Amino acid sequence: MSESTRLNVFKTYKLYVGGKFPRSESGRVYEVTDSKGNWLANAPLSSRKDARDAVVAARKAFGGWSGATAYNRGQILYRIAEMLEGRREQFVREVGEAEGLSKSKAGAVVDAAIDRWVWYAGWTDKIGQIVGGANPVAGPFFNLSTPEPTGVVTVIAPQDSSFLGLISVIAPVIATGNTAVVITSEKSPLPALSLGEVLATSDLPGGVVNILSGKAAEMGPHLASHQDVNAIDLAGANAALAKELEIAAADNLKRVLRPQPVDDWNADPGTSRMTAFLETKTVWHPTGSLGSGGSSY
């Protein structure tokens, strides 16, 4: 069969929830177009039920993921970066179409995103060294502070940076042992949905990251008020939506990371997005004594 007579095989984009690829429970889709208004694909328009299912999956995965060693989490994140590198050309095309970039500029964005993922992979077993440690106390006690993940984190992805911004808000959440429910950029969801395919074929346990495409204004209030969501990152929310979600989040004392203007996602992100979703546990333990002389250690 000649190439000219082949049918176009369009890609079907699906959600990524609990390690599987469901269509939206509602059956709804919406059109995704490129920067010039040309049709690219139909993306699932997630519903409130999809958001609830994602929270259930994230909670189920939290125990195993937070209980894994930091070194193991780093290995898994690095494996994801390897697989992103292997599908680089696909992401270059999708990012270029989503953001109206030339192939060379889209390639630079994708390379920066993969590098950012590797960077966070290296932090998994180091972040504890800068936010925890032994505290000096007056008395025969050890006093140790250690970071622990907050729990299930809802992430509203940046609207204009469909891949580098997306990875810059997902990676720090899971690197520190949290699980995530991600609402993609509404206008440019395709790179995020393709990221789900990479995560599914890596060593990342299902449910650690759950990816929903659709309207943040529709799903956000339900997730912000959900009693089993522990924190929310409002990176991609506009001022009005951010205020609404912050008020809803107060109902169960969620930790909230307010929107912070980012002029350049290529800039050094620092550690703030990792520490934003960590809790500090402090343990006291008596030092005890050694030998008949009662000397302490």
Foldseek 3Di string as FASTA:
>chain_A
DDPVPDDDDADDFAWAAQLDGDAAPVPDWDFAFFPVRHTRYTYHAHALVLLVRLLVSQQVCQVVLQPDALLVQLVLLLQLLVVLVVCLQVQLVLQCRHQVHDSVVSSVLSVLQSVLSNVLSVCLNPVQVVPWAWDDDPDQKTKTKGKGFQEEEEEEFAQNRQGLRRSNQLSLNSSPRYAYEYEGRANRPVSVSVSSVSCSPTPNRGSSYTYDYHDCLRNLLSQLQDLSHAAYECQHPDPVSQVNSVVSNPVNDHQYHGHDDDPDSSDDPPNVSNVSRIDMDMDMDGQFADDPVRHGD
